[in-house]
Amino acid sequence: MYIKNIEWLDQNEKEAITVVSDTKYEITCFADILQQEINDELVEPLECVIVQNIIRSDEEDKVEKTDSSFGYHLCGRLLDRKSGLMVVGQIKLHIQPELIPGDIDDDEQVEFDCCRIDIWEAI
């Protein structure tokens, strides 16, 4: 996954709205203290903020924008329940593990809503 576009909100404070892509899917994210530039690869998973309605799913991977400004409905594969790591296509995401229902296991498809997705890259 890489940064496809950057719209600076405050370049001095390094706050930006970014588009992260894996060439198939695109997610608009908020970034605070953005160190990367366009086309830079992201190593750390994106952070899903205010996650709701996590359920097991039979759907294929998907990224759907919701009515809220940064909100998404996402469907992807849960890689590691204990850490909350999942992927949609090749985009790595993190959700709080304690929010994942107990009947969902590693390597299952899940879908959920989130209010915003942030870039949390190690500096």
PDB file of N, CA and C in Angstrom:
ATOM      1  N   MET A   1       0.853  -1.181   0.000  1.00  0.00           N
ATOM      2  CA  MET A   1       0.000   0.000   0.000  1.00  0.00           C
ATOM      3  C   MET A   1       0.889   1.232   0.000  1.00  0.00           C
ATOM      4  N   TYR A   2       0.407   2.260  -0.640  1.00  0.00           N
ATOM      5  CA  TYR A   2       1.236   3.450  -0.803  1.00  0.00           C
ATOM      6  C   TYR A   2       0.354   4.703  -0.787  1.00  0.00           C
ATOM      7  N   ILE A   3       0.996   5.864  -0.622  1.00  0.00           N
ATOM      8  CA  ILE A   3       0.270   7.134  -0.630  1.00  0.00           C
ATOM      9  C   ILE A   3       0.097   7.578  -2.074  1.00  0.00           C
ATOM     10  N   LYS A   4      -1.150   7.680  -2.497  1.00  0.00           N
ATOM     11  CA  LYS A   4      -1.458   8.069  -3.873  1.00  0.00           C
ATOM     12  C   LYS A   4      -1.595   9.583  -4.014  1.00  0.00           C
ATOM     13  N   ASN A   5      -2.103  10.230  -2.960  1.00  0.00           N
ATOM     14  CA  ASN A   5      -2.330  11.672  -3.028  1.00  0.00           C
ATOM     15  C   ASN A   5      -2.241  12.285  -1.634  1.00  0.00           C
ATOM     16  N   ILE A   6      -1.827  13.544  -1.573  1.00  0.00           N
ATOM     17  CA  ILE A   6      -1.766  14.290  -0.312  1.00  0.00           C
ATOM     18  C   ILE A   6      -2.397  15.657  -0.519  1.00  0.00           C
ATOM     19  N   GLU A   7      -3.321  15.995   0.365  1.00  0.00           N
ATOM     20  CA  GLU A   7      -3.897  17.343   0.412  1.00  0.00           C
ATOM     21  C   GLU A   7      -3.549  17.913   1.787  1.00  0.00           C
ATOM     22  N   TRP A   8      -2.618  18.854   1.811  1.00  0.00           N
ATOM     23  CA  TRP A   8      -2.137  19.403   3.074  1.00  0.00           C
ATOM     24  C   TRP A   8      -3.197  20.277   3.729  1.00  0.00           C
ATOM     25  N   LEU A   9      -3.469  20.002   5.001  1.00  0.00           N
ATOM     26  CA  LEU A   9      -4.319  20.870   5.816  1.00  0.00           C
ATOM     27  C   LEU A   9      -3.445  21.915   6.500  1.00  0.00           C
ATOM     28  N   ASP A  10      -2.282  21.484   6.979  1.00  0.00           N
ATOM     29  CA  ASP A  10      -1.310  22.368   7.613  1.00  0.00           C
ATOM     30  C   ASP A  10       0.073  21.749   7.385  1.00  0.00           C
ATOM     31  N   GLN A  11       0.790  22.277   6.424  1.00  0.00           N
ATOM     32  CA  GLN A  11       2.075  21.681   6.055  1.00  0.00           C
ATOM     33  C   GLN A  11       3.110  21.832   7.165  1.00  0.00           C
ATOM     34  N   ASN A  12       3.050  22.932   7.922  1.00  0.00           N
ATOM     35  CA  ASN A  12       3.989  23.118   9.028  1.00  0.00           C
ATOM     36  C   ASN A  12       3.787  22.075  10.115  1.00  0.00           C
ATOM     37  N   GLU A  13       2.525  21.751  10.418  1.00  0.00           N
ATOM     38  CA  GLU A  13       2.203  20.758  11.443  1.00  0.00           C
ATOM     39  C   GLU A  13       2.137  19.351  10.866  1.00  0.00           C
ATOM     40  N   LYS A  14       2.285  19.241   9.527  1.00  0.00           N
ATOM     41  CA  LYS A  14       2.278  17.960   8.808  1.00  0.00           C
ATOM     42  C   LYS A  14       0.945  17.224   8.936  1.00  0.00           C
ATOM     43  N   GLU A  15      -0.168  17.993   8.943  1.00  0.00           N
ATOM     44  CA  GLU A  15      -1.507  17.419   8.949  1.00  0.00           C
ATOM     45  C   GLU A  15      -2.031  17.398   7.524  1.00  0.00           C
ATOM     46  N   ALA A  16      -2.581  16.250   7.136  1.00  0.00           N
ATOM     47  CA  ALA A  16      -2.999  16.120   5.745  1.00  0.00           C
ATOM     48  C   ALA A  16      -4.142  15.125   5.599  1.00  0.00           C
ATOM     49  N   ILE A  17      -4.848  15.274   4.506  1.00  0.00           N
ATOM     50  CA  ILE A  17      -5.786  14.269   4.058  1.00  0.00           C
ATOM     51  C   ILE A  17      -5.063  13.521   2.935  1.00  0.00           C
ATOM     52  N   THR A  18      -4.977  12.223   3.067  1.00  0.00           N
ATOM     53  CA  THR A  18      -4.227  11.433   2.104  1.00  0.00           C
ATOM     54  C   THR A  18      -5.110  10.364   1.477  1.00  0.00           C
ATOM     55  N   VAL A  19      -4.743   9.930   0.309  1.00  0.00           N
ATOM     56  CA  VAL A  19      -5.386   8.776  -0.318  1.00  0.00           C
ATOM     57  C   VAL A  19      -4.363   7.658  -0.313  1.00  0.00           C
ATOM     58  N   VAL A  20      -4.732   6.532   0.322  1.00  0.00           N
ATOM     59  CA  VAL A  20      -3.880   5.353   0.374  1.00  0.00           C
ATOM     60  C   VAL A  20      -4.472   4.326  -0.584  1.00  0.00           C
ATOM     61  N   SER A  21      -3.615   3.679  -1.363  1.00  0.00           N
ATOM     62  CA  SER A  21      -4.079   2.742  -2.382  1.00  0.00           C
ATOM     63  C   SER A  21      -3.203   1.496  -2.430  1.00  0.00           C
ATOM     64  N   ASP A  22      -3.790   0.438  -2.958  1.00  0.00           N
ATOM     65  CA  ASP A  22      -3.028  -0.765  -3.298  1.00  0.00           C
ATOM     66  C   ASP A  22      -3.173  -1.046  -4.790  1.00  0.00           C
ATOM     67  N   THR A  23      -3.598  -0.067  -5.545  1.00  0.00           N
ATOM     68  CA  THR A  23      -3.923  -0.041  -6.980  1.00  0.00           C
ATOM     69  C   THR A  23      -5.319  -0.568  -7.286  1.00  0.00           C
ATOM     70  N   LYS A  24      -5.925  -1.338  -6.370  1.00  0.00           N
ATOM     71  CA  LYS A  24      -7.302  -1.796  -6.568  1.00  0.00           C
ATOM     72  C   LYS A  24      -8.270  -0.999  -5.696  1.00  0.00           C
ATOM     73  N   TYR A  25      -7.911  -0.808  -4.442  1.00  0.00           N
ATOM     74  CA  TYR A  25      -8.755  -0.090  -3.487  1.00  0.00           C
ATOM     75  C   TYR A  25      -8.086   1.223  -3.099  1.00  0.00           C
ATOM     76  N   GLU A  26      -8.918   2.211  -2.744  1.00  0.00           N
ATOM     77  CA  GLU A  26      -8.420   3.498  -2.264  1.00  0.00           C
ATOM     78  C   GLU A  26      -9.183   3.892  -1.017  1.00  0.00           C
ATOM     79  N   ILE A  27      -8.451   4.406  -0.030  1.00  0.00           N
ATOM     80  CA  ILE A  27      -9.058   4.866   1.215  1.00  0.00           C
ATOM     81  C   ILE A  27      -8.523   6.261   1.518  1.00  0.00           C
ATOM     82  N   THR A  28      -9.424   7.201   1.763  1.00  0.00           N
ATOM     83  CA  THR A  28      -9.040   8.551   2.172  1.00  0.00           C
ATOM     84  C   THR A  28      -8.817   8.535   3.681  1.00  0.00           C
ATOM     85  N   CYS A  29      -7.636   8.977   4.099  1.00  0.00           N
ATOM     86  CA  CYS A  29      -7.227   8.919   5.501  1.00  0.00           C
ATOM     87  C   CYS A  29      -6.846  10.296   6.018  1.00  0.00           C
ATOM     88  N   PHE A  30      -6.874  10.422   7.342  1.00  0.00           N
ATOM     89  CA  PHE A  30      -6.328  11.598   8.002  1.00  0.00           C
ATOM     90  C   PHE A  30      -4.920  11.238   8.466  1.00  0.00           C
ATOM     91  N   ALA A  31      -4.001  12.174   8.335  1.00  0.00           N
ATOM     92  CA  ALA A  31      -2.629  11.949   8.789  1.00  0.00           C
ATOM     93  C   ALA A  31      -2.173  13.122   9.642  1.00  0.00           C
ATOM     94  N   ASP A  32      -1.622  12.817  10.798  1.00  0.00           N
ATOM     95  CA  ASP A  32      -1.056  13.804  11.705  1.00  0.00           C
ATOM     96  C   ASP A  32       0.431  13.497  11.794  1.00  0.00           C
ATOM     97  N   ILE A  33       1.253  14.494  11.540  1.00  0.00           N
ATOM     98  CA  ILE A  33       2.708  14.334  11.497  1.00  0.00           C
ATOM     99  C   ILE A  33       3.092  13.392  10.346  1.00  0.00           C
ATOM    100  N   LEU A  34       2.600  13.700   9.171  1.00  0.00           N
ATOM    101  CA  LEU A  34       2.884  12.886   7.990  1.00  0.00           C
ATOM    102  C   LEU A  34       4.329  13.088   7.555  1.00  0.00           C
ATOM    103  N   GLN A  35       5.075  12.011   7.508  1.00  0.00           N
ATOM    104  CA  GLN A  35       6.487  12.063   7.108  1.00  0.00           C
ATOM    105  C   GLN A  35       6.698  11.619   5.658  1.00  0.00           C
ATOM    106  N   GLN A  36       5.695  10.970   5.075  1.00  0.00           N
ATOM    107  CA  GLN A  36       5.837  10.403   3.741  1.00  0.00           C
ATOM    108  C   GLN A  36       5.428  11.391   2.658  1.00  0.00           C
ATOM    109  N   GLU A  37       5.760  10.999   1.435  1.00  0.00           N
ATOM    110  CA  GLU A  37       5.394  11.774   0.259  1.00  0.00           C
ATOM    111  C   GLU A  37       4.582  10.887  -0.678  1.00  0.00           C
ATOM    112  N   ILE A  38       4.070  11.481  -1.741  1.00  0.00           N
ATOM    113  CA  ILE A  38       3.312  10.726  -2.732  1.00  0.00           C
ATOM    114  C   ILE A  38       4.187   9.582  -3.268  1.00  0.00           C
ATOM    115  N   ASN A  39       3.576   8.432  -3.419  1.00  0.00           N
ATOM    116  CA  ASN A  39       4.183   7.173  -3.887  1.00  0.00           C
ATOM    117  C   ASN A  39       5.014   6.446  -2.842  1.00  0.00           C
ATOM    118  N   ASP A  40       5.149   7.003  -1.629  1.00  0.00           N
ATOM    119  CA  ASP A  40       5.868   6.291  -0.571  1.00  0.00           C
ATOM    120  C   ASP A  40       5.043   5.109  -0.083  1.00  0.00           C
ATOM    121  N   GLU A  41       5.727   4.013   0.203  1.00  0.00           N
ATOM    122  CA  GLU A  41       5.081   2.820   0.740  1.00  0.00           C
ATOM    123  C   GLU A  41       4.813   3.018   2.225  1.00  0.00           C
ATOM    124  N   LEU A  42       3.667   2.530   2.681  1.00  0.00           N
ATOM    125  CA  LEU A  42       3.337   2.550   4.106  1.00  0.00           C
ATOM    126  C   LEU A  42       3.573   1.154   4.666  1.00  0.00           C
ATOM    127  N   VAL A  43       4.250   1.081   5.800  1.00  0.00           N
ATOM    128  CA  VAL A  43       4.573  -0.195   6.416  1.00  0.00           C
ATOM    129  C   VAL A  43       3.552  -0.553   7.495  1.00  0.00           C
ATOM    130  N   GLU A  44       3.246   0.405   8.340  1.00  0.00           N
ATOM    131  CA  GLU A  44       2.321   0.166   9.450  1.00  0.00           C
ATOM    132  C   GLU A  44       0.871   0.125   8.948  1.00  0.00           C
ATOM    133  N   PRO A  45       0.016  -0.659   9.618  1.00  0.00           N
ATOM    134  CA  PRO A  45      -1.399  -0.675   9.213  1.00  0.00           C
ATOM    135  C   PRO A  45      -2.071   0.662   9.486  1.00  0.00           C
ATOM    136  N   LEU A  46      -3.105   0.943   8.716  1.00  0.00           N
ATOM    137  CA  LEU A  46      -3.925   2.127   8.952  1.00  0.00           C
ATOM    138  C   LEU A  46      -4.782   1.876  10.186  1.00  0.00           C
ATOM    139  N   GLU A  47      -5.046   2.923  10.937  1.00  0.00           N
ATOM    140  CA  GLU A  47      -5.810   2.801  12.177  1.00  0.00           C
ATOM    141  C   GLU A  47      -7.273   3.158  11.945  1.00  0.00           C
ATOM    142  N   CYS A  48      -8.170   2.209  12.213  1.00  0.00           N
ATOM    143  CA  CYS A  48      -9.612   2.446  12.084  1.00  0.00           C
ATOM    144  C   CYS A  48     -10.117   3.070  13.380  1.00  0.00           C
ATOM    145  N   VAL A  49     -10.772   4.217  13.275  1.00  0.00           N
ATOM    146  CA  VAL A  49     -11.219   4.985  14.437  1.00  0.00           C
ATOM    147  C   VAL A  49     -12.738   4.880  14.561  1.00  0.00           C
ATOM    148  N   ILE A  50     -13.196   4.637  15.783  1.00  0.00           N
ATOM    149  CA  ILE A  50     -14.615   4.478  16.122  1.00  0.00           C
ATOM    150  C   ILE A  50     -15.239   3.409  15.212  1.00  0.00           C
ATOM    151  N   VAL A  51     -14.885   2.172  15.500  1.00  0.00           N
ATOM    152  CA  VAL A  51     -15.356   1.016  14.747  1.00  0.00           C
ATOM    153  C   VAL A  51     -16.648   0.496  15.362  1.00  0.00           C
ATOM    154  N   GLN A  52     -17.618   0.171  14.497  1.00  0.00           N
ATOM    155  CA  GLN A  52     -18.912  -0.344  14.959  1.00  0.00           C
ATOM    156  C   GLN A  52     -19.370  -1.469  14.040  1.00  0.00           C
ATOM    157  N   ASN A  53     -20.280  -2.274  14.562  1.00  0.00           N
ATOM    158  CA  ASN A  53     -20.997  -3.286  13.776  1.00  0.00           C
ATOM    159  C   ASN A  53     -20.081  -4.312  13.124  1.00  0.00           C
ATOM    160  N   ILE A  54     -19.109  -4.823  13.865  1.00  0.00           N
ATOM    161  CA  ILE A  54     -18.228  -5.857  13.317  1.00  0.00           C
ATOM    162  C   ILE A  54     -18.985  -7.180  13.268  1.00  0.00           C
ATOM    163  N   ILE A  55     -19.043  -7.750  12.074  1.00  0.00           N
ATOM    164  CA  ILE A  55     -19.713  -9.048  11.908  1.00  0.00           C
ATOM    165  C   ILE A  55     -18.907  -9.932  10.953  1.00  0.00           C
ATOM    166  N   ARG A  56     -19.107 -11.238  11.070  1.00  0.00           N
ATOM    167  CA  ARG A  56     -18.544 -12.177  10.098  1.00  0.00           C
ATOM    168  C   ARG A  56     -19.266 -11.927   8.787  1.00  0.00           C
ATOM    169  N   SER A  57     -18.578 -12.145   7.673  1.00  0.00           N
ATOM    170  CA  SER A  57     -19.168 -11.808   6.380  1.00  0.00           C
ATOM    171  C   SER A  57     -18.861 -12.872   5.332  1.00  0.00           C
ATOM    172  N   ASP A  58     -19.764 -12.997   4.376  1.00  0.00           N
ATOM    173  CA  ASP A  58     -19.542 -13.838   3.203  1.00  0.00           C
ATOM    174  C   ASP A  58     -19.185 -12.984   1.998  1.00  0.00           C
ATOM    175  N   GLU A  59     -19.089 -11.683   2.200  1.00  0.00           N
ATOM    176  CA  GLU A  59     -18.794 -10.743   1.115  1.00  0.00           C
ATOM    177  C   GLU A  59     -17.317 -10.802   0.721  1.00  0.00           C
ATOM    178  N   GLU A  60     -17.048 -10.388  -0.505  1.00  0.00           N
ATOM    179  CA  GLU A  60     -15.669 -10.201  -0.968  1.00  0.00           C
ATOM    180  C   GLU A  60     -15.127  -8.915  -0.349  1.00  0.00           C
ATOM    181  N   ASP A  61     -13.821  -8.701  -0.463  1.00  0.00           N
ATOM    182  CA  ASP A  61     -13.224  -7.451   0.015  1.00  0.00           C
ATOM    183  C   ASP A  61     -13.955  -6.279  -0.628  1.00  0.00           C
ATOM    184  N   LYS A  62     -14.197  -5.226   0.168  1.00  0.00           N
ATOM    185  CA  LYS A  62     -14.814  -4.025  -0.380  1.00  0.00           C
ATOM    186  C   LYS A  62     -14.492  -2.816   0.483  1.00  0.00           C
ATOM    187  N   VAL A  63     -14.511  -1.656  -0.170  1.00  0.00           N
ATOM    188  CA  VAL A  63     -14.298  -0.362   0.467  1.00  0.00           C
ATOM    189  C   VAL A  63     -15.418   0.533  -0.028  1.00  0.00           C
ATOM    190  N   GLU A  64     -16.342   0.893   0.871  1.00  0.00           N
ATOM    191  CA  GLU A  64     -17.461   1.757   0.495  1.00  0.00           C
ATOM    192  C   GLU A  64     -17.481   2.988   1.379  1.00  0.00           C
ATOM    193  N   LYS A  65     -17.484   4.142   0.759  1.00  0.00           N
ATOM    194  CA  LYS A  65     -17.589   5.415   1.482  1.00  0.00           C
ATOM    195  C   LYS A  65     -18.987   5.524   2.065  1.00  0.00           C
ATOM    196  N   THR A  66     -19.108   6.011   3.292  1.00  0.00           N
ATOM    197  CA  THR A  66     -20.409   6.253   3.911  1.00  0.00           C
ATOM    198  C   THR A  66     -20.741   7.737   3.820  1.00  0.00           C
ATOM    199  N   ASP A  67     -21.841   8.116   4.402  1.00  0.00           N
ATOM    200  CA  ASP A  67     -22.285   9.506   4.342  1.00  0.00           C
ATOM    201  C   ASP A  67     -21.425  10.451   5.178  1.00  0.00           C
ATOM    202  N   SER A  68     -20.741   9.925   6.205  1.00  0.00           N
ATOM    203  CA  SER A  68     -19.906  10.812   7.018  1.00  0.00           C
ATOM    204  C   SER A  68     -18.644  11.175   6.230  1.00  0.00           C
ATOM    205  N   SER A  69     -18.034  12.280   6.581  1.00  0.00           N
ATOM    206  CA  SER A  69     -16.944  12.827   5.767  1.00  0.00           C
ATOM    207  C   SER A  69     -15.761  11.874   5.584  1.00  0.00           C
ATOM    208  N   PHE A  70     -15.364  11.148   6.611  1.00  0.00           N
ATOM    209  CA  PHE A  70     -14.243  10.216   6.509  1.00  0.00           C
ATOM    210  C   PHE A  70     -14.663   8.773   6.724  1.00  0.00           C
ATOM    211  N   GLY A  71     -15.967   8.515   6.826  1.00  0.00           N
ATOM    212  CA  GLY A  71     -16.458   7.198   7.188  1.00  0.00           C
ATOM    213  C   GLY A  71     -16.427   6.183   6.056  1.00  0.00           C
ATOM    214  N   TYR A  72     -16.262   4.911   6.443  1.00  0.00           N
ATOM    215  CA  TYR A  72     -16.237   3.806   5.492  1.00  0.00           C
ATOM    216  C   TYR A  72     -16.970   2.593   6.031  1.00  0.00           C
ATOM    217  N   HIS A  73     -17.508   1.808   5.116  1.00  0.00           N
ATOM    218  CA  HIS A  73     -17.965   0.454   5.395  1.00  0.00           C
ATOM    219  C   HIS A  73     -16.944  -0.443   4.688  1.00  0.00           C
ATOM    220  N   LEU A  74     -16.292  -1.305   5.460  1.00  0.00           N
ATOM    221  CA  LEU A  74     -15.201  -2.115   4.933  1.00  0.00           C
ATOM    222  C   LEU A  74     -15.482  -3.598   5.117  1.00  0.00           C
ATOM    223  N   CYS A  75     -14.983  -4.387   4.209  1.00  0.00           N
ATOM    224  CA  CYS A  75     -15.030  -5.835   4.330  1.00  0.00           C
ATOM    225  C   CYS A  75     -13.660  -6.371   3.942  1.00  0.00           C
ATOM    226  N   GLY A  76     -13.102  -7.204   4.809  1.00  0.00           N
ATOM    227  CA  GLY A  76     -11.786  -7.760   4.539  1.00  0.00           C
ATOM    228  C   GLY A  76     -11.519  -8.972   5.399  1.00  0.00           C
ATOM    229  N   ARG A  77     -10.307  -9.484   5.312  1.00  0.00           N
ATOM    230  CA  ARG A  77      -9.924 -10.708   6.008  1.00  0.00           C
ATOM    231  C   ARG A  77      -9.190 -10.379   7.298  1.00  0.00           C
ATOM    232  N   LEU A  78      -9.654 -10.961   8.401  1.00  0.00           N
ATOM    233  CA  LEU A  78      -9.002 -10.801   9.700  1.00  0.00           C
ATOM    234  C   LEU A  78      -7.769 -11.705   9.735  1.00  0.00           C
ATOM    235  N   LEU A  79      -6.598 -11.106   9.818  1.00  0.00           N
ATOM    236  CA  LEU A  79      -5.352 -11.880   9.834  1.00  0.00           C
ATOM    237  C   LEU A  79      -5.010 -12.383  11.225  1.00  0.00           C
ATOM    238  N   ASP A  80      -5.161 -11.495  12.221  1.00  0.00           N
ATOM    239  CA  ASP A  80      -4.761 -11.837  13.585  1.00  0.00           C
ATOM    240  C   ASP A  80      -5.723 -11.185  14.572  1.00  0.00           C
ATOM    241  N   ARG A  81      -6.603 -11.986  15.108  1.00  0.00           N
ATOM    242  CA  ARG A  81      -7.626 -11.509  16.033  1.00  0.00           C
ATOM    243  C   ARG A  81      -7.002 -10.842  17.268  1.00  0.00           C
ATOM    244  N   LYS A  82      -5.915 -11.435  17.789  1.00  0.00           N
ATOM    245  CA  LYS A  82      -5.300 -10.917  19.014  1.00  0.00           C
ATOM    246  C   LYS A  82      -4.753  -9.503  18.843  1.00  0.00           C
ATOM    247  N   SER A  83      -4.211  -9.205  17.657  1.00  0.00           N
ATOM    248  CA  SER A  83      -3.642  -7.870  17.431  1.00  0.00           C
ATOM    249  C   SER A  83      -4.620  -6.931  16.722  1.00  0.00           C
ATOM    250  N   GLY A  84      -5.700  -7.484  16.142  1.00  0.00           N
ATOM    251  CA  GLY A  84      -6.661  -6.661  15.404  1.00  0.00           C
ATOM    252  C   GLY A  84      -6.208  -6.330  13.999  1.00  0.00           C
ATOM    253  N   LEU A  85      -5.257  -7.093  13.456  1.00  0.00           N
ATOM    254  CA  LEU A  85      -4.735  -6.840  12.117  1.00  0.00           C
ATOM    255  C   LEU A  85      -5.615  -7.508  11.063  1.00  0.00           C
ATOM    256  N   MET A  86      -5.953  -6.744  10.024  1.00  0.00           N
ATOM    257  CA  MET A  86      -6.751  -7.266   8.921  1.00  0.00           C
ATOM    258  C   MET A  86      -6.290  -6.631   7.623  1.00  0.00           C
ATOM    259  N   VAL A  87      -6.777  -7.169   6.496  1.00  0.00           N
ATOM    260  CA  VAL A  87      -6.459  -6.607   5.191  1.00  0.00           C
ATOM    261  C   VAL A  87      -7.709  -6.525   4.333  1.00  0.00           C
ATOM    262  N   VAL A  88      -7.742  -5.459   3.538  1.00  0.00           N
ATOM    263  CA  VAL A  88      -8.719  -5.309   2.464  1.00  0.00           C
ATOM    264  C   VAL A  88      -7.861  -5.189   1.207  1.00  0.00           C
ATOM    265  N   GLY A  89      -7.915  -6.199   0.349  1.00  0.00           N
ATOM    266  CA  GLY A  89      -6.960  -6.241  -0.750  1.00  0.00           C
ATOM    267  C   GLY A  89      -5.574  -6.340  -0.156  1.00  0.00           C
ATOM    268  N   GLN A  90      -4.702  -5.372  -0.481  1.00  0.00           N
ATOM    269  CA  GLN A  90      -3.356  -5.323   0.090  1.00  0.00           C
ATOM    270  C   GLN A  90      -3.207  -4.190   1.107  1.00  0.00           C
ATOM    271  N   ILE A  91      -4.330  -3.571   1.481  1.00  0.00           N
ATOM    272  CA  ILE A  91      -4.309  -2.481   2.463  1.00  0.00           C
ATOM    273  C   ILE A  91      -4.446  -3.070   3.859  1.00  0.00           C
ATOM    274  N   LYS A  92      -3.419  -2.851   4.694  1.00  0.00           N
ATOM    275  CA  LYS A  92      -3.427  -3.356   6.063  1.00  0.00           C
ATOM    276  C   LYS A  92      -4.147  -2.360   6.971  1.00  0.00           C
ATOM    277  N   LEU A  93      -5.013  -2.907   7.828  1.00  0.00           N
ATOM    278  CA  LEU A  93      -5.797  -2.093   8.755  1.00  0.00           C
ATOM    279  C   LEU A  93      -5.692  -2.660  10.160  1.00  0.00           C
ATOM    280  N   HIS A  94      -5.855  -1.784  11.145  1.00  0.00           N
ATOM    281  CA  HIS A  94      -5.890  -2.211  12.542  1.00  0.00           C
ATOM    282  C   HIS A  94      -7.213  -1.789  13.156  1.00  0.00           C
ATOM    283  N   ILE A  95      -7.857  -2.734  13.826  1.00  0.00           N
ATOM    284  CA  ILE A  95      -9.042  -2.429  14.635  1.00  0.00           C
ATOM    285  C   ILE A  95      -8.754  -2.897  16.058  1.00  0.00           C
ATOM    286  N   GLN A  96      -9.388  -2.279  17.032  1.00  0.00           N
ATOM    287  CA  GLN A  96      -9.153  -2.657  18.426  1.00  0.00           C
ATOM    288  C   GLN A  96      -9.632  -4.095  18.642  1.00  0.00           C
ATOM    289  N   PRO A  97      -8.734  -4.984  19.082  1.00  0.00           N
ATOM    290  CA  PRO A  97      -9.085  -6.397  19.219  1.00  0.00           C
ATOM    291  C   PRO A  97     -10.273  -6.655  20.140  1.00  0.00           C
ATOM    292  N   GLU A  98     -10.416  -5.839  21.165  1.00  0.00           N
ATOM    293  CA  GLU A  98     -11.512  -6.055  22.118  1.00  0.00           C
ATOM    294  C   GLU A  98     -12.895  -5.801  21.501  1.00  0.00           C
ATOM    295  N   LEU A  99     -12.932  -5.168  20.341  1.00  0.00           N
ATOM    296  CA  LEU A  99     -14.207  -4.921  19.655  1.00  0.00           C
ATOM    297  C   LEU A  99     -14.645  -6.091  18.773  1.00  0.00           C
ATOM    298  N   ILE A 100     -13.744  -7.025  18.512  1.00  0.00           N
ATOM    299  CA  ILE A 100     -14.045  -8.157  17.623  1.00  0.00           C
ATOM    300  C   ILE A 100     -14.872  -9.185  18.387  1.00  0.00           C
ATOM    301  N   PRO A 101     -16.061  -9.529  17.892  1.00  0.00           N
ATOM    302  CA  PRO A 101     -16.895 -10.524  18.574  1.00  0.00           C
ATOM    303  C   PRO A 101     -16.151 -11.844  18.765  1.00  0.00           C
ATOM    304  N   GLY A 102     -16.449 -12.523  19.870  1.00  0.00           N
ATOM    305  CA  GLY A 102     -15.750 -13.744  20.249  1.00  0.00           C
ATOM    306  C   GLY A 102     -15.910 -14.912  19.300  1.00  0.00           C
ATOM    307  N   ASP A 103     -16.928 -14.878  18.443  1.00  0.00           N
ATOM    308  CA  ASP A 103     -17.145 -16.011  17.533  1.00  0.00           C
ATOM    309  C   ASP A 103     -16.434 -15.834  16.189  1.00  0.00           C
ATOM    310  N   ILE A 104     -15.623 -14.790  16.048  1.00  0.00           N
ATOM    311  CA  ILE A 104     -14.882 -14.554  14.807  1.00  0.00           C
ATOM    312  C   ILE A 104     -13.433 -14.969  15.026  1.00  0.00           C
ATOM    313  N   ASP A 105     -12.917 -15.773  14.103  1.00  0.00           N
ATOM    314  CA  ASP A 105     -11.564 -16.304  14.215  1.00  0.00           C
ATOM    315  C   ASP A 105     -10.644 -15.714  13.151  1.00  0.00           C
ATOM    316  N   ASP A 106      -9.348 -15.978  13.320  1.00  0.00           N
ATOM    317  CA  ASP A 106      -8.352 -15.593  12.317  1.00  0.00           C
ATOM    318  C   ASP A 106      -8.739 -16.159  10.955  1.00  0.00           C
ATOM    319  N   ASP A 107      -8.420 -15.424   9.922  1.00  0.00           N
ATOM    320  CA  ASP A 107      -8.599 -15.828   8.531  1.00  0.00           C
ATOM    321  C   ASP A 107     -10.069 -15.866   8.089  1.00  0.00           C
ATOM    322  N   GLU A 108     -10.947 -15.195   8.827  1.00  0.00           N
ATOM    323  CA  GLU A 108     -12.339 -15.081   8.414  1.00  0.00           C
ATOM    324  C   GLU A 108     -12.584 -13.690   7.839  1.00  0.00           C
ATOM    325  N   GLN A 109     -13.559 -13.595   6.948  1.00  0.00           N
ATOM    326  CA  GLN A 109     -13.975 -12.302   6.406  1.00  0.00           C
ATOM    327  C   GLN A 109     -14.827 -11.592   7.456  1.00  0.00           C
ATOM    328  N   VAL A 110     -14.571 -10.304   7.652  1.00  0.00           N
ATOM    329  CA  VAL A 110     -15.366  -9.473   8.551  1.00  0.00           C
ATOM    330  C   VAL A 110     -15.747  -8.193   7.826  1.00  0.00           C
ATOM    331  N   GLU A 111     -16.857  -7.610   8.256  1.00  0.00           N
ATOM    332  CA  GLU A 111     -17.213  -6.286   7.750  1.00  0.00           C
ATOM    333  C   GLU A 111     -17.619  -5.425   8.924  1.00  0.00           C
ATOM    334  N   PHE A 112     -17.438  -4.118   8.745  1.00  0.00           N
ATOM    335  CA  PHE A 112     -17.715  -3.183   9.831  1.00  0.00           C
ATOM    336  C   PHE A 112     -17.770  -1.764   9.279  1.00  0.00           C
ATOM    337  N   ASP A 113     -18.218  -0.854  10.132  1.00  0.00           N
ATOM    338  CA  ASP A 113     -18.239   0.572   9.823  1.00  0.00           C
ATOM    339  C   ASP A 113     -17.195   1.264  10.688  1.00  0.00           C
ATOM    340  N   CYS A 114     -16.573   2.307  10.139  1.00  0.00           N
ATOM    341  CA  CYS A 114     -15.689   3.132  10.956  1.00  0.00           C
ATOM    342  C   CYS A 114     -15.868   4.586  10.552  1.00  0.00           C
ATOM    343  N   CYS A 115     -15.658   5.470  11.522  1.00  0.00           N
ATOM    344  CA  CYS A 115     -15.884   6.901  11.313  1.00  0.00           C
ATOM    345  C   CYS A 115     -14.725   7.592  10.611  1.00  0.00           C
ATOM    346  N   ARG A 116     -13.526   7.021  10.756  1.00  0.00           N
ATOM    347  CA  ARG A 116     -12.341   7.647  10.163  1.00  0.00           C
ATOM    348  C   ARG A 116     -11.222   6.621  10.141  1.00  0.00           C
ATOM    349  N   ILE A 117     -10.285   6.796   9.215  1.00  0.00           N
ATOM    350  CA  ILE A 117      -9.114   5.944   9.133  1.00  0.00           C
ATOM    351  C   ILE A 117      -7.890   6.863   9.137  1.00  0.00           C
ATOM    352  N   ASP A 118      -6.954   6.559  10.031  1.00  0.00           N
ATOM    353  CA  ASP A 118      -5.759   7.397  10.223  1.00  0.00           C
ATOM    354  C   ASP A 118      -4.503   6.666   9.780  1.00  0.00           C
ATOM    355  N   ILE A 119      -3.517   7.437   9.353  1.00  0.00           N
ATOM    356  CA  ILE A 119      -2.185   6.908   9.110  1.00  0.00           C
ATOM    357  C   ILE A 119      -1.392   7.044  10.401  1.00  0.00           C
ATOM    358  N   TRP A 120      -0.902   5.912  10.898  1.00  0.00           N
ATOM    359  CA  TRP A 120      -0.051   5.873  12.084  1.00  0.00           C
ATOM    360  C   TRP A 120       1.255   5.234  11.682  1.00  0.00           C
ATOM    361  N   GLU A 121       2.143   6.014  11.191  1.00  0.00           N
ATOM    362  CA  GLU A 121       3.426   5.484  10.704  1.00  0.00           C
ATOM    363  C   GLU A 121       4.513   5.801  11.727  1.00  0.00           C
ATOM    364  N   ALA A 122       5.361   4.833  12.007  1.00  0.00           N
ATOM    365  CA  ALA A 122       6.461   5.045  12.942  1.00  0.00           C
ATOM    366  C   ALA A 122       7.401   6.126  12.404  1.00  0.00           C
ATOM    367  N   ILE A 123       7.797   7.006  13.265  1.00  0.00           N
ATOM    368  CA  ILE A 123       8.679   8.114  12.870  1.00  0.00           C
ATOM    369  C   ILE A 123      10.122   7.737  13.131  1.00  0.00           C
TER     370      ILE A 123
END
